[in-house]
């Protein structure tokens, strides 16, 4: 859900998060599902394309963690 996602990303504004999510949706990286509830509930998930990027993102995370350790 949007609010949970925003809380997990410290320091990001609502506008920047909304713009980023819209861009990723347009690029086919995530899917967006809106539930007709009051208040409306929106869920985001990785698309098949987004899932295929997991190994790349994991490699970048590993590199960053390794670099951070070298900096100590």
C-alpha atoms as a PDB file:
ATOM      1  CA  UNK A   1       0.000   0.000   0.000  1.00  0.00           C
ATOM      2  CA  UNK A   2       1.138   3.535  -0.733  1.00  0.00           C
ATOM      3  CA  UNK A   3       1.274   4.741   2.876  1.00  0.00           C
ATOM      4  CA  UNK A   4       3.292   1.708   4.004  1.00  0.00           C
ATOM      5  CA  UNK A   5       5.676   2.172   1.101  1.00  0.00           C
ATOM      6  CA  UNK A   6       6.128   5.865   1.897  1.00  0.00           C
ATOM      7  CA  UNK A   7       6.819   5.121   5.573  1.00  0.00           C
ATOM      8  CA  UNK A   8       9.484   2.596   4.600  1.00  0.00           C
ATOM      9  CA  UNK A   9      11.303   5.162   2.431  1.00  0.00           C
ATOM     10  CA  UNK A  10      12.664   7.697   4.879  1.00  0.00           C
ATOM     11  CA  UNK A  11      12.833  11.241   3.564  1.00  0.00           C
ATOM     12  CA  UNK A  12      10.862  10.840   0.323  1.00  0.00           C
ATOM     13  CA  UNK A  13       8.053  13.279  -0.383  1.00  0.00           C
ATOM     14  CA  UNK A  14       4.624  12.112  -1.466  1.00  0.00           C
ATOM     15  CA  UNK A  15       5.054  13.870  -4.826  1.00  0.00           C
ATOM     16  CA  UNK A  16       8.404  12.243  -5.589  1.00  0.00           C
ATOM     17  CA  UNK A  17       7.103   8.800  -4.617  1.00  0.00           C
ATOM     18  CA  UNK A  18       3.929   9.253  -6.686  1.00  0.00           C
ATOM     19  CA  UNK A  19       5.910  10.448  -9.710  1.00  0.00           C
ATOM     20  CA  UNK A  20       8.371   7.567  -9.376  1.00  0.00           C
ATOM     21  CA  UNK A  21       5.623   4.958  -9.074  1.00  0.00           C
ATOM     22  CA  UNK A  22       3.792   6.377 -12.098  1.00  0.00           C
ATOM     23  CA  UNK A  23       6.988   6.312 -14.129  1.00  0.00           C
ATOM     24  CA  UNK A  24       7.750   2.707 -13.153  1.00  0.00           C
ATOM     25  CA  UNK A  25       4.162   1.730 -13.990  1.00  0.00           C
ATOM     26  CA  UNK A  26       4.434   3.380 -17.420  1.00  0.00           C
ATOM     27  CA  UNK A  27       7.715   1.537 -18.000  1.00  0.00           C
ATOM     28  CA  UNK A  28       6.082  -1.780 -17.099  1.00  0.00           C
ATOM     29  CA  UNK A  29       8.238  -2.395 -14.010  1.00  0.00           C
ATOM     30  CA  UNK A  30       5.354  -2.411 -11.520  1.00  0.00           C
ATOM     31  CA  UNK A  31       1.627  -3.027 -11.590  1.00  0.00           C
ATOM     32  CA  UNK A  32      -0.928  -0.918  -9.757  1.00  0.00           C
ATOM     33  CA  UNK A  33      -4.233  -2.295  -8.470  1.00  0.00           C
ATOM     34  CA  UNK A  34      -6.912   0.054  -7.129  1.00  0.00           C
ATOM     35  CA  UNK A  35      -9.618  -1.421  -4.912  1.00  0.00           C
ATOM     36  CA  UNK A  36     -12.997   0.369  -4.843  1.00  0.00           C
ATOM     37  CA  UNK A  37     -13.131   0.851  -1.092  1.00  0.00           C
ATOM     38  CA  UNK A  38     -13.577   3.837   1.182  1.00  0.00           C
ATOM     39  CA  UNK A  39     -10.916   5.042   1.565  1.00  0.00           C
ATOM     40  CA  UNK A  40      -9.516   3.702  -1.711  1.00  0.00           C
ATOM     41  CA  UNK A  41      -6.802   1.094  -1.366  1.00  0.00           C
ATOM     42  CA  UNK A  42      -3.965   0.870  -3.868  1.00  0.00           C
ATOM     43  CA  UNK A  43      -1.454  -1.951  -4.064  1.00  0.00           C
ATOM     44  CA  UNK A  44       1.751  -2.055  -6.070  1.00  0.00           C
ATOM     45  CA  UNK A  45       3.609  -5.177  -7.163  1.00  0.00           C
ATOM     46  CA  UNK A  46       6.543  -5.970  -9.392  1.00  0.00           C
ATOM     47  CA  UNK A  47       5.537  -6.996 -12.885  1.00  0.00           C
ATOM     48  CA  UNK A  48       7.233  -9.852 -14.701  1.00  0.00           C
ATOM     49  CA  UNK A  49       9.744  -7.319 -16.038  1.00  0.00           C
ATOM     50  CA  UNK A  50      10.298  -5.939 -12.538  1.00  0.00           C
ATOM     51  CA  UNK A  51      10.846  -9.428 -11.142  1.00  0.00           C
ATOM     52  CA  UNK A  52      13.430 -10.082 -13.849  1.00  0.00           C
ATOM     53  CA  UNK A  53      15.411  -7.113 -12.502  1.00  0.00           C
ATOM     54  CA  UNK A  54      15.792  -8.594  -8.990  1.00  0.00           C
ATOM     55  CA  UNK A  55      19.219 -10.206  -9.655  1.00  0.00           C
ATOM     56  CA  UNK A  56      20.561  -6.910 -11.009  1.00  0.00           C
ATOM     57  CA  UNK A  57      19.276  -4.948  -8.019  1.00  0.00           C
ATOM     58  CA  UNK A  58      20.621  -7.595  -5.633  1.00  0.00           C
ATOM     59  CA  UNK A  59      24.066  -7.341  -7.256  1.00  0.00           C
ATOM     60  CA  UNK A  60      23.970  -3.560  -6.846  1.00  0.00           C
ATOM     61  CA  UNK A  61      23.003  -3.971  -3.184  1.00  0.00           C
ATOM     62  CA  UNK A  62      25.849  -6.433  -2.608  1.00  0.00           C
ATOM     63  CA  UNK A  63      28.320  -4.055  -4.251  1.00  0.00           C
ATOM     64  CA  UNK A  64      27.082  -1.160  -2.095  1.00  0.00           C
ATOM     65  CA  UNK A  65      27.352  -3.191   1.102  1.00  0.00           C
ATOM     66  CA  UNK A  66      30.862  -4.316   0.189  1.00  0.00           C
ATOM     67  CA  UNK A  67      31.925  -0.759  -0.663  1.00  0.00           C
ATOM     68  CA  UNK A  68      30.430   0.504   2.608  1.00  0.00           C
ATOM     69  CA  UNK A  69      32.483  -2.069   4.540  1.00  0.00           C
ATOM     70  CA  UNK A  70      35.680  -0.951   2.777  1.00  0.00           C
ATOM     71  CA  UNK A  71      34.982   2.644   3.779  1.00  0.00           C
ATOM     72  CA  UNK A  72      35.127   1.796   7.512  1.00  0.00           C
END
